[in-house]
């Protein structure tokens, strides 16, 4: 996920600013729960975050871990954008429990 996507998804059900997100991301990275890859743009280079093997196994994720996070990066980013859109549109729907795609499962609130 990109930092922009993280901000969007976290602010659907709560409120978090960029500074607080940066601190959380630094702590998660220090604890080896996430890692990041750098985008290809020179100016304003984006970082894309993904779960490490340690975090992946600790949450019992039902999907296999990404062996090469850069592989199909654009497809994963587009999938995340669609899931964020669905969660934004349905955030007040009382019967929605989770959104599931071929690549991701997002539990509600």
PDB file of N, CA and C in Angstrom:
ATOM      1  N   UNK A   1       0.838  -1.176   0.000  1.00  0.00           N
ATOM      2  CA  UNK A   1       0.000   0.000   0.000  1.00  0.00           C
ATOM      3  C   UNK A   1       0.883   1.238   0.000  1.00  0.00           C
ATOM      4  N   UNK A   2       0.390   2.258  -0.636  1.00  0.00           N
ATOM      5  CA  UNK A   2       1.091   3.539  -0.578  1.00  0.00           C
ATOM      6  C   UNK A   2       0.694   4.268   0.705  1.00  0.00           C
ATOM      7  N   UNK A   3       1.479   5.257   1.086  1.00  0.00           N
ATOM      8  CA  UNK A   3       1.156   6.047   2.278  1.00  0.00           C
ATOM      9  C   UNK A   3      -0.190   6.752   2.093  1.00  0.00           C
ATOM     10  N   UNK A   4      -0.446   7.226   0.876  1.00  0.00           N
ATOM     11  CA  UNK A   4      -1.719   7.885   0.574  1.00  0.00           C
ATOM     12  C   UNK A   4      -2.886   6.921   0.791  1.00  0.00           C
ATOM     13  N   UNK A   5      -2.725   5.680   0.350  1.00  0.00           N
ATOM     14  CA  UNK A   5      -3.769   4.681   0.549  1.00  0.00           C
ATOM     15  C   UNK A   5      -3.952   4.366   2.028  1.00  0.00           C
ATOM     16  N   UNK A   6      -2.851   4.265   2.755  1.00  0.00           N
ATOM     17  CA  UNK A   6      -2.946   4.021   4.192  1.00  0.00           C
ATOM     18  C   UNK A   6      -3.717   5.136   4.891  1.00  0.00           C
ATOM     19  N   UNK A   7      -3.415   6.377   4.553  1.00  0.00           N
ATOM     20  CA  UNK A   7      -4.141   7.507   5.145  1.00  0.00           C
ATOM     21  C   UNK A   7      -5.628   7.428   4.836  1.00  0.00           C
ATOM     22  N   UNK A   8      -5.952   7.116   3.588  1.00  0.00           N
ATOM     23  CA  UNK A   8      -7.366   7.036   3.202  1.00  0.00           C
ATOM     24  C   UNK A   8      -8.100   5.956   3.976  1.00  0.00           C
ATOM     25  N   UNK A   9      -7.515   4.767   4.028  1.00  0.00           N
ATOM     26  CA  UNK A   9      -8.214   3.658   4.674  1.00  0.00           C
ATOM     27  C   UNK A   9      -8.324   3.862   6.186  1.00  0.00           C
ATOM     28  N   UNK A  10      -7.296   4.425   6.801  1.00  0.00           N
ATOM     29  CA  UNK A  10      -7.346   4.666   8.244  1.00  0.00           C
ATOM     30  C   UNK A  10      -8.310   5.792   8.606  1.00  0.00           C
ATOM     31  N   UNK A  11      -8.521   6.720   7.692  1.00  0.00           N
ATOM     32  CA  UNK A  11      -9.425   7.833   7.971  1.00  0.00           C
ATOM     33  C   UNK A  11     -10.875   7.559   7.582  1.00  0.00           C
ATOM     34  N   UNK A  12     -11.172   6.364   7.100  1.00  0.00           N
ATOM     35  CA  UNK A  12     -12.569   6.012   6.829  1.00  0.00           C
ATOM     36  C   UNK A  12     -13.326   5.889   8.140  1.00  0.00           C
ATOM     37  N   UNK A  13     -12.718   5.233   9.136  1.00  0.00           N
ATOM     38  CA  UNK A  13     -13.405   4.972  10.395  1.00  0.00           C
ATOM     39  C   UNK A  13     -12.826   5.745  11.571  1.00  0.00           C
ATOM     40  N   UNK A  14     -11.781   6.503  11.342  1.00  0.00           N
ATOM     41  CA  UNK A  14     -11.162   7.254  12.421  1.00  0.00           C
ATOM     42  C   UNK A  14     -10.478   8.480  11.873  1.00  0.00           C
ATOM     43  N   UNK A  15      -9.507   8.968  12.600  1.00  0.00           N
ATOM     44  CA  UNK A  15      -8.783  10.148  12.163  1.00  0.00           C
ATOM     45  C   UNK A  15      -7.317   9.999  12.542  1.00  0.00           C
ATOM     46  N   UNK A  16      -6.450  10.104  11.549  1.00  0.00           N
ATOM     47  CA  UNK A  16      -5.010  10.034  11.787  1.00  0.00           C
ATOM     48  C   UNK A  16      -4.333  10.994  10.819  1.00  0.00           C
ATOM     49  N   UNK A  17      -3.359  11.716  11.306  1.00  0.00           N
ATOM     50  CA  UNK A  17      -2.628  12.657  10.465  1.00  0.00           C
ATOM     51  C   UNK A  17      -1.355  12.034   9.914  1.00  0.00           C
ATOM     52  N   UNK A  18      -0.730  12.719   9.013  1.00  0.00           N
ATOM     53  CA  UNK A  18       0.467  12.216   8.344  1.00  0.00           C
ATOM     54  C   UNK A  18       1.630  12.019   9.315  1.00  0.00           C
ATOM     55  N   UNK A  19       1.795  12.931  10.281  1.00  0.00           N
ATOM     56  CA  UNK A  19       2.894  12.802  11.252  1.00  0.00           C
ATOM     57  C   UNK A  19       2.728  11.561  12.120  1.00  0.00           C
ATOM     58  N   UNK A  20       1.523  11.330  12.591  1.00  0.00           N
ATOM     59  CA  UNK A  20       1.264  10.153  13.422  1.00  0.00           C
ATOM     60  C   UNK A  20       1.447   8.877  12.601  1.00  0.00           C
ATOM     61  N   UNK A  21       0.993   8.892  11.354  1.00  0.00           N
ATOM     62  CA  UNK A  21       1.166   7.739  10.476  1.00  0.00           C
ATOM     63  C   UNK A  21       2.645   7.455  10.260  1.00  0.00           C
ATOM     64  N   UNK A  22       3.430   8.494  10.009  1.00  0.00           N
ATOM     65  CA  UNK A  22       4.873   8.317   9.813  1.00  0.00           C
ATOM     66  C   UNK A  22       5.521   7.665  11.037  1.00  0.00           C
ATOM     67  N   UNK A  23       5.145   8.106  12.223  1.00  0.00           N
ATOM     68  CA  UNK A  23       5.697   7.526  13.452  1.00  0.00           C
ATOM     69  C   UNK A  23       5.318   6.057  13.587  1.00  0.00           C
ATOM     70  N   UNK A  24       4.060   5.743  13.273  1.00  0.00           N
ATOM     71  CA  UNK A  24       3.607   4.348  13.354  1.00  0.00           C
ATOM     72  C   UNK A  24       4.336   3.468  12.342  1.00  0.00           C
ATOM     73  N   UNK A  25       4.507   3.984  11.127  1.00  0.00           N
ATOM     74  CA  UNK A  25       5.198   3.223  10.091  1.00  0.00           C
ATOM     75  C   UNK A  25       6.654   2.965  10.489  1.00  0.00           C
ATOM     76  N   UNK A  26       7.298   3.971  11.083  1.00  0.00           N
ATOM     77  CA  UNK A  26       8.686   3.803  11.533  1.00  0.00           C
ATOM     78  C   UNK A  26       8.785   2.727  12.611  1.00  0.00           C
ATOM     79  N   UNK A  27       7.834   2.725  13.542  1.00  0.00           N
ATOM     80  CA  UNK A  27       7.841   1.722  14.612  1.00  0.00           C
ATOM     81  C   UNK A  27       7.589   0.324  14.041  1.00  0.00           C
ATOM     82  N   UNK A  28       6.623   0.200  13.140  1.00  0.00           N
ATOM     83  CA  UNK A  28       6.342  -1.100  12.533  1.00  0.00           C
ATOM     84  C   UNK A  28       7.548  -1.625  11.763  1.00  0.00           C
ATOM     85  N   UNK A  29       8.237  -0.729  11.082  1.00  0.00           N
ATOM     86  CA  UNK A  29       9.430  -1.123  10.321  1.00  0.00           C
ATOM     87  C   UNK A  29      10.561  -1.535  11.278  1.00  0.00           C
ATOM     88  N   UNK A  30      10.751  -0.771  12.359  1.00  0.00           N
ATOM     89  CA  UNK A  30      11.763  -1.114  13.371  1.00  0.00           C
ATOM     90  C   UNK A  30      11.498  -2.492  13.983  1.00  0.00           C
ATOM     91  N   UNK A  31      10.214  -2.805  14.186  1.00  0.00           N
ATOM     92  CA  UNK A  31       9.815  -4.079  14.792  1.00  0.00           C
ATOM     93  C   UNK A  31       9.743  -5.215  13.776  1.00  0.00           C
ATOM     94  N   UNK A  32      10.151  -4.951  12.528  1.00  0.00           N
ATOM     95  CA  UNK A  32      10.166  -5.935  11.446  1.00  0.00           C
ATOM     96  C   UNK A  32       8.768  -6.504  11.148  1.00  0.00           C
ATOM     97  N   UNK A  33       7.763  -5.638  11.241  1.00  0.00           N
ATOM     98  CA  UNK A  33       6.400  -6.053  10.919  1.00  0.00           C
ATOM     99  C   UNK A  33       5.996  -5.611   9.524  1.00  0.00           C
ATOM    100  N   UNK A  34       6.621  -4.533   9.039  1.00  0.00           N
ATOM    101  CA  UNK A  34       6.408  -4.096   7.664  1.00  0.00           C
ATOM    102  C   UNK A  34       7.763  -3.784   7.045  1.00  0.00           C
ATOM    103  N   UNK A  35       7.750  -3.709   5.733  1.00  0.00           N
ATOM    104  CA  UNK A  35       8.933  -3.247   5.014  1.00  0.00           C
ATOM    105  C   UNK A  35       8.420  -2.369   3.885  1.00  0.00           C
ATOM    106  N   UNK A  36       9.324  -1.761   3.145  1.00  0.00           N
ATOM    107  CA  UNK A  36       8.872  -0.898   2.061  1.00  0.00           C
ATOM    108  C   UNK A  36       9.794  -1.027   0.868  1.00  0.00           C
ATOM    109  N   UNK A  37       9.255  -0.667  -0.275  1.00  0.00           N
ATOM    110  CA  UNK A  37      10.034  -0.546  -1.492  1.00  0.00           C
ATOM    111  C   UNK A  37       9.842   0.874  -1.988  1.00  0.00           C
ATOM    112  N   UNK A  38      10.795   1.343  -2.748  1.00  0.00           N
ATOM    113  CA  UNK A  38      10.761   2.718  -3.231  1.00  0.00           C
ATOM    114  C   UNK A  38      10.201   2.740  -4.633  1.00  0.00           C
ATOM    115  N   UNK A  39       9.363   3.749  -4.897  1.00  0.00           N
ATOM    116  CA  UNK A  39       8.799   3.927  -6.231  1.00  0.00           C
ATOM    117  C   UNK A  39       9.851   4.391  -7.219  1.00  0.00           C
ATOM    118  N   UNK A  40       9.456   4.575  -8.457  1.00  0.00           N
ATOM    119  CA  UNK A  40      10.387   4.892  -9.522  1.00  0.00           C
ATOM    120  C   UNK A  40      10.505   6.375  -9.842  1.00  0.00           C
ATOM    121  N   UNK A  41       9.693   7.228  -9.249  1.00  0.00           N
ATOM    122  CA  UNK A  41       9.764   8.650  -9.559  1.00  0.00           C
ATOM    123  C   UNK A  41      10.922   9.287  -8.809  1.00  0.00           C
ATOM    124  N   UNK A  42      11.551  10.276  -9.417  1.00  0.00           N
ATOM    125  CA  UNK A  42      12.697  10.949  -8.780  1.00  0.00           C
ATOM    126  C   UNK A  42      12.249  11.949  -7.719  1.00  0.00           C
ATOM    127  N   UNK A  43      11.295  12.800  -8.060  1.00  0.00           N
ATOM    128  CA  UNK A  43      10.837  13.840  -7.146  1.00  0.00           C
ATOM    129  C   UNK A  43       9.641  13.320  -6.357  1.00  0.00           C
ATOM    130  N   UNK A  44       9.662  13.471  -5.064  1.00  0.00           N
ATOM    131  CA  UNK A  44       8.549  13.007  -4.246  1.00  0.00           C
ATOM    132  C   UNK A  44       8.403  11.494  -4.318  1.00  0.00           C
ATOM    133  N   UNK A  45       9.518  10.782  -4.300  1.00  0.00           N
ATOM    134  CA  UNK A  45       9.522   9.333  -4.459  1.00  0.00           C
ATOM    135  C   UNK A  45       8.618   8.670  -3.428  1.00  0.00           C
ATOM    136  N   UNK A  46       7.634   7.907  -3.892  1.00  0.00           N
ATOM    137  CA  UNK A  46       6.727   7.241  -2.948  1.00  0.00           C
ATOM    138  C   UNK A  46       7.333   5.947  -2.411  1.00  0.00           C
ATOM    139  N   UNK A  47       6.942   5.594  -1.207  1.00  0.00           N
ATOM    140  CA  UNK A  47       7.280   4.309  -0.627  1.00  0.00           C
ATOM    141  C   UNK A  47       6.018   3.469  -0.641  1.00  0.00           C
ATOM    142  N   UNK A  48       6.178   2.197  -0.905  1.00  0.00           N
ATOM    143  CA  UNK A  48       5.060   1.265  -0.875  1.00  0.00           C
ATOM    144  C   UNK A  48       5.340   0.264   0.231  1.00  0.00           C
ATOM    145  N   UNK A  49       4.379   0.070   1.101  1.00  0.00           N
ATOM    146  CA  UNK A  49       4.557  -0.740   2.294  1.00  0.00           C
ATOM    147  C   UNK A  49       3.890  -2.097   2.133  1.00  0.00           C
ATOM    148  N   UNK A  50       4.500  -3.110   2.713  1.00  0.00           N
ATOM    149  CA  UNK A  50       3.947  -4.456   2.688  1.00  0.00           C
ATOM    150  C   UNK A  50       4.310  -5.166   3.991  1.00  0.00           C
ATOM    151  N   UNK A  51       3.549  -6.215   4.315  1.00  0.00           N
ATOM    152  CA  UNK A  51       3.799  -6.980   5.531  1.00  0.00           C
ATOM    153  C   UNK A  51       5.029  -7.854   5.365  1.00  0.00           C
ATOM    154  N   UNK A  52       5.805  -7.955   6.417  1.00  0.00           N
ATOM    155  CA  UNK A  52       6.932  -8.881   6.407  1.00  0.00           C
ATOM    156  C   UNK A  52       6.420 -10.280   6.730  1.00  0.00           C
ATOM    157  N   UNK A  53       7.287 -11.245   6.585  1.00  0.00           N
ATOM    158  CA  UNK A  53       6.921 -12.631   6.903  1.00  0.00           C
ATOM    159  C   UNK A  53       6.517 -12.760   8.373  1.00  0.00           C
ATOM    160  N   UNK A  54       7.221 -12.032   9.260  1.00  0.00           N
ATOM    161  CA  UNK A  54       6.895 -12.073  10.698  1.00  0.00           C
ATOM    162  C   UNK A  54       5.459 -11.619  10.961  1.00  0.00           C
ATOM    163  N   UNK A  55       5.085 -10.483  10.400  1.00  0.00           N
ATOM    164  CA  UNK A  55       3.738  -9.955  10.638  1.00  0.00           C
ATOM    165  C   UNK A  55       2.696 -10.806   9.928  1.00  0.00           C
ATOM    166  N   UNK A  56       3.000 -11.247   8.755  1.00  0.00           N
ATOM    167  CA  UNK A  56       2.067 -12.057   7.962  1.00  0.00           C
ATOM    168  C   UNK A  56       1.662 -13.302   8.733  1.00  0.00           C
ATOM    169  N   UNK A  57       2.628 -13.978   9.317  1.00  0.00           N
ATOM    170  CA  UNK A  57       2.325 -15.205  10.060  1.00  0.00           C
ATOM    171  C   UNK A  57       1.652 -14.906  11.396  1.00  0.00           C
ATOM    172  N   UNK A  58       1.942 -13.754  11.998  1.00  0.00           N
ATOM    173  CA  UNK A  58       1.353 -13.437  13.306  1.00  0.00           C
ATOM    174  C   UNK A  58      -0.147 -13.133  13.231  1.00  0.00           C
ATOM    175  N   UNK A  59      -0.609 -12.648  12.084  1.00  0.00           N
ATOM    176  CA  UNK A  59      -2.041 -12.343  11.958  1.00  0.00           C
ATOM    177  C   UNK A  59      -2.822 -13.489  11.330  1.00  0.00           C
ATOM    178  N   UNK A  60      -2.133 -14.552  10.927  1.00  0.00           N
ATOM    179  CA  UNK A  60      -2.816 -15.708  10.360  1.00  0.00           C
ATOM    180  C   UNK A  60      -3.484 -15.412   9.033  1.00  0.00           C
ATOM    181  N   UNK A  61      -2.826 -14.637   8.206  1.00  0.00           N
ATOM    182  CA  UNK A  61      -3.384 -14.247   6.905  1.00  0.00           C
ATOM    183  C   UNK A  61      -3.644 -15.485   6.057  1.00  0.00           C
ATOM    184  N   UNK A  62      -4.805 -15.516   5.388  1.00  0.00           N
ATOM    185  CA  UNK A  62      -5.179 -16.685   4.596  1.00  0.00           C
ATOM    186  C   UNK A  62      -4.549 -16.683   3.202  1.00  0.00           C
ATOM    187  N   UNK A  63      -3.993 -15.582   2.775  1.00  0.00           N
ATOM    188  CA  UNK A  63      -3.344 -15.516   1.474  1.00  0.00           C
ATOM    189  C   UNK A  63      -1.847 -15.733   1.643  1.00  0.00           C
ATOM    190  N   UNK A  64      -1.208 -16.188   0.571  1.00  0.00           N
ATOM    191  CA  UNK A  64       0.231 -16.405   0.641  1.00  0.00           C
ATOM    192  C   UNK A  64       0.960 -15.069   0.675  1.00  0.00           C
ATOM    193  N   UNK A  65       2.106 -15.076   1.307  1.00  0.00           N
ATOM    194  CA  UNK A  65       2.910 -13.862   1.414  1.00  0.00           C
ATOM    195  C   UNK A  65       3.537 -13.530   0.066  1.00  0.00           C
ATOM    196  N   UNK A  66       3.686 -12.252  -0.204  1.00  0.00           N
ATOM    197  CA  UNK A  66       4.311 -11.813  -1.447  1.00  0.00           C
ATOM    198  C   UNK A  66       5.805 -12.111  -1.398  1.00  0.00           C
ATOM    199  N   UNK A  67       6.274 -12.882  -2.362  1.00  0.00           N
ATOM    200  CA  UNK A  67       7.709 -13.194  -2.408  1.00  0.00           C
ATOM    201  C   UNK A  67       8.487 -12.067  -3.053  1.00  0.00           C
ATOM    202  N   UNK A  68       7.881 -11.382  -4.000  1.00  0.00           N
ATOM    203  CA  UNK A  68       8.511 -10.248  -4.679  1.00  0.00           C
ATOM    204  C   UNK A  68       7.490  -9.114  -4.710  1.00  0.00           C
ATOM    205  N   UNK A  69       7.480  -8.260  -3.666  1.00  0.00           N
ATOM    206  CA  UNK A  69       6.449  -7.217  -3.552  1.00  0.00           C
ATOM    207  C   UNK A  69       6.341  -6.288  -4.755  1.00  0.00           C
ATOM    208  N   UNK A  70       7.441  -6.095  -5.487  1.00  0.00           N
ATOM    209  CA  UNK A  70       7.400  -5.185  -6.629  1.00  0.00           C
ATOM    210  C   UNK A  70       6.649  -5.812  -7.811  1.00  0.00           C
ATOM    211  N   UNK A  71       6.540  -7.141  -7.815  1.00  0.00           N
ATOM    212  CA  UNK A  71       5.844  -7.837  -8.885  1.00  0.00           C
ATOM    213  C   UNK A  71       4.359  -7.476  -8.848  1.00  0.00           C
ATOM    214  N   UNK A  72       3.839  -7.046  -9.964  1.00  0.00           N
ATOM    215  CA  UNK A  72       2.431  -6.628 -10.073  1.00  0.00           C
ATOM    216  C   UNK A  72       2.069  -5.503  -9.115  1.00  0.00           C
ATOM    217  N   UNK A  73       3.006  -4.623  -8.826  1.00  0.00           N
ATOM    218  CA  UNK A  73       2.763  -3.521  -7.894  1.00  0.00           C
ATOM    219  C   UNK A  73       1.558  -2.689  -8.301  1.00  0.00           C
ATOM    220  N   UNK A  74       1.462  -2.325  -9.564  1.00  0.00           N
ATOM    221  CA  UNK A  74       0.334  -1.501 -10.019  1.00  0.00           C
ATOM    222  C   UNK A  74      -0.994  -2.209  -9.817  1.00  0.00           C
ATOM    223  N   UNK A  75      -1.034  -3.509 -10.058  1.00  0.00           N
ATOM    224  CA  UNK A  75      -2.270  -4.256  -9.851  1.00  0.00           C
ATOM    225  C   UNK A  75      -2.669  -4.233  -8.376  1.00  0.00           C
ATOM    226  N   UNK A  76      -1.705  -4.405  -7.493  1.00  0.00           N
ATOM    227  CA  UNK A  76      -2.006  -4.369  -6.055  1.00  0.00           C
ATOM    228  C   UNK A  76      -2.480  -2.981  -5.625  1.00  0.00           C
ATOM    229  N   UNK A  77      -1.859  -1.942  -6.158  1.00  0.00           N
ATOM    230  CA  UNK A  77      -2.274  -0.577  -5.819  1.00  0.00           C
ATOM    231  C   UNK A  77      -3.685  -0.295  -6.319  1.00  0.00           C
ATOM    232  N   UNK A  78      -4.017  -0.757  -7.529  1.00  0.00           N
ATOM    233  CA  UNK A  78      -5.373  -0.579  -8.063  1.00  0.00           C
ATOM    234  C   UNK A  78      -6.394  -1.347  -7.231  1.00  0.00           C
ATOM    235  N   UNK A  79      -6.043  -2.569  -6.834  1.00  0.00           N
ATOM    236  CA  UNK A  79      -6.946  -3.362  -5.982  1.00  0.00           C
ATOM    237  C   UNK A  79      -7.203  -2.638  -4.670  1.00  0.00           C
ATOM    238  N   UNK A  80      -6.153  -2.089  -4.074  1.00  0.00           N
ATOM    239  CA  UNK A  80      -6.312  -1.327  -2.833  1.00  0.00           C
ATOM    240  C   UNK A  80      -7.223  -0.118  -3.043  1.00  0.00           C
ATOM    241  N   UNK A  81      -7.046   0.593  -4.165  1.00  0.00           N
ATOM    242  CA  UNK A  81      -7.898   1.759  -4.457  1.00  0.00           C
ATOM    243  C   UNK A  81      -9.366   1.359  -4.554  1.00  0.00           C
ATOM    244  N   UNK A  82      -9.642   0.239  -5.210  1.00  0.00           N
ATOM    245  CA  UNK A  82     -11.030  -0.221  -5.325  1.00  0.00           C
ATOM    246  C   UNK A  82     -11.599  -0.603  -3.964  1.00  0.00           C
ATOM    247  N   UNK A  83     -10.810  -1.291  -3.147  1.00  0.00           N
ATOM    248  CA  UNK A  83     -11.285  -1.664  -1.811  1.00  0.00           C
ATOM    249  C   UNK A  83     -11.544  -0.428  -0.951  1.00  0.00           C
ATOM    250  N   UNK A  84     -10.680   0.561  -1.047  1.00  0.00           N
ATOM    251  CA  UNK A  84     -10.890   1.814  -0.305  1.00  0.00           C
ATOM    252  C   UNK A  84     -12.168   2.499  -0.776  1.00  0.00           C
ATOM    253  N   UNK A  85     -12.406   2.511  -2.079  1.00  0.00           N
ATOM    254  CA  UNK A  85     -13.633   3.111  -2.619  1.00  0.00           C
ATOM    255  C   UNK A  85     -14.872   2.393  -2.102  1.00  0.00           C
ATOM    256  N   UNK A  86     -14.825   1.069  -2.095  1.00  0.00           N
ATOM    257  CA  UNK A  86     -15.973   0.286  -1.610  1.00  0.00           C
ATOM    258  C   UNK A  86     -16.216   0.560  -0.135  1.00  0.00           C
ATOM    259  N   UNK A  87     -15.153   0.570   0.667  1.00  0.00           N
ATOM    260  CA  UNK A  87     -15.306   0.845   2.093  1.00  0.00           C
ATOM    261  C   UNK A  87     -15.818   2.258   2.341  1.00  0.00           C
ATOM    262  N   UNK A  88     -15.374   3.215   1.556  1.00  0.00           N
ATOM    263  CA  UNK A  88     -15.839   4.596   1.697  1.00  0.00           C
ATOM    264  C   UNK A  88     -17.323   4.694   1.367  1.00  0.00           C
ATOM    265  N   UNK A  89     -17.737   4.040   0.293  1.00  0.00           N
ATOM    266  CA  UNK A  89     -19.141   4.089  -0.114  1.00  0.00           C
ATOM    267  C   UNK A  89     -20.069   3.364   0.854  1.00  0.00           C
ATOM    268  N   UNK A  90     -19.554   2.323   1.495  1.00  0.00           N
ATOM    269  CA  UNK A  90     -20.411   1.495   2.352  1.00  0.00           C
ATOM    270  C   UNK A  90     -20.107   1.648   3.835  1.00  0.00           C
ATOM    271  N   UNK A  91     -19.405   2.702   4.217  1.00  0.00           N
ATOM    272  CA  UNK A  91     -18.957   2.820   5.606  1.00  0.00           C
ATOM    273  C   UNK A  91     -20.089   2.867   6.622  1.00  0.00           C
ATOM    274  N   UNK A  92     -21.258   3.289   6.233  1.00  0.00           N
ATOM    275  CA  UNK A  92     -22.377   3.357   7.180  1.00  0.00           C
ATOM    276  C   UNK A  92     -23.355   2.200   7.027  1.00  0.00           C
ATOM    277  N   UNK A  93     -23.021   1.225   6.220  1.00  0.00           N
ATOM    278  CA  UNK A  93     -23.902   0.078   5.997  1.00  0.00           C
ATOM    279  C   UNK A  93     -23.740  -0.900   7.159  1.00  0.00           C
ATOM    280  N   UNK A  94     -24.802  -1.110   7.912  1.00  0.00           N
ATOM    281  CA  UNK A  94     -24.705  -1.884   9.145  1.00  0.00           C
ATOM    282  C   UNK A  94     -24.482  -3.380   8.923  1.00  0.00           C
ATOM    283  N   UNK A  95     -24.832  -3.916   7.761  1.00  0.00           N
ATOM    284  CA  UNK A  95     -24.696  -5.355   7.531  1.00  0.00           C
ATOM    285  C   UNK A  95     -23.364  -5.755   6.905  1.00  0.00           C
ATOM    286  N   UNK A  96     -22.547  -4.811   6.488  1.00  0.00           N
ATOM    287  CA  UNK A  96     -21.270  -5.133   5.863  1.00  0.00           C
ATOM    288  C   UNK A  96     -20.254  -5.539   6.929  1.00  0.00           C
ATOM    289  N   UNK A  97     -19.721  -6.740   6.793  1.00  0.00           N
ATOM    290  CA  UNK A  97     -18.738  -7.238   7.755  1.00  0.00           C
ATOM    291  C   UNK A  97     -17.327  -7.235   7.185  1.00  0.00           C
ATOM    292  N   UNK A  98     -17.179  -7.534   5.881  1.00  0.00           N
ATOM    293  CA  UNK A  98     -15.865  -7.528   5.258  1.00  0.00           C
ATOM    294  C   UNK A  98     -16.012  -7.409   3.753  1.00  0.00           C
ATOM    295  N   UNK A  99     -14.933  -6.974   3.133  1.00  0.00           N
ATOM    296  CA  UNK A  99     -14.855  -6.875   1.676  1.00  0.00           C
ATOM    297  C   UNK A  99     -13.744  -7.824   1.264  1.00  0.00           C
ATOM    298  N   UNK A 100     -14.025  -8.671   0.284  1.00  0.00           N
ATOM    299  CA  UNK A 100     -13.075  -9.687  -0.125  1.00  0.00           C
ATOM    300  C   UNK A 100     -12.829  -9.594  -1.614  1.00  0.00           C
ATOM    301  N   UNK A 101     -11.566  -9.600  -1.998  1.00  0.00           N
ATOM    302  CA  UNK A 101     -11.205  -9.649  -3.410  1.00  0.00           C
ATOM    303  C   UNK A 101     -10.270 -10.832  -3.611  1.00  0.00           C
ATOM    304  N   UNK A 102      -9.849 -11.026  -4.819  1.00  0.00           N
ATOM    305  CA  UNK A 102      -8.929 -12.122  -5.106  1.00  0.00           C
ATOM    306  C   UNK A 102      -7.624 -11.961  -4.339  1.00  0.00           C
ATOM    307  N   UNK A 103      -7.227 -10.726  -4.080  1.00  0.00           N
ATOM    308  CA  UNK A 103      -5.930 -10.469  -3.443  1.00  0.00           C
ATOM    309  C   UNK A 103      -6.020  -9.990  -2.005  1.00  0.00           C
ATOM    310  N   UNK A 104      -7.131  -9.449  -1.586  1.00  0.00           N
ATOM    311  CA  UNK A 104      -7.180  -8.837  -0.264  1.00  0.00           C
ATOM    312  C   UNK A 104      -8.503  -9.121   0.436  1.00  0.00           C
ATOM    313  N   UNK A 105      -8.428  -9.135   1.743  1.00  0.00           N
ATOM    314  CA  UNK A 105      -9.621  -9.173   2.563  1.00  0.00           C
ATOM    315  C   UNK A 105      -9.501  -8.018   3.529  1.00  0.00           C
ATOM    316  N   UNK A 106     -10.546  -7.202   3.606  1.00  0.00           N
ATOM    317  CA  UNK A 106     -10.541  -6.061   4.512  1.00  0.00           C
ATOM    318  C   UNK A 106     -11.698  -6.220   5.471  1.00  0.00           C
ATOM    319  N   UNK A 107     -11.393  -6.311   6.770  1.00  0.00           N
ATOM    320  CA  UNK A 107     -12.454  -6.407   7.772  1.00  0.00           C
ATOM    321  C   UNK A 107     -12.918  -5.017   8.105  1.00  0.00           C
ATOM    322  N   UNK A 108     -14.184  -4.915   8.331  1.00  0.00           N
ATOM    323  CA  UNK A 108     -14.762  -3.609   8.617  1.00  0.00           C
ATOM    324  C   UNK A 108     -14.553  -3.222  10.068  1.00  0.00           C
ATOM    325  N   UNK A 109     -14.247  -1.918  10.251  1.00  0.00           N
ATOM    326  CA  UNK A 109     -14.167  -1.235  11.516  1.00  0.00           C
ATOM    327  C   UNK A 109     -13.848  -2.072  12.665  1.00  0.00           C
TER     328      UNK A 109
END
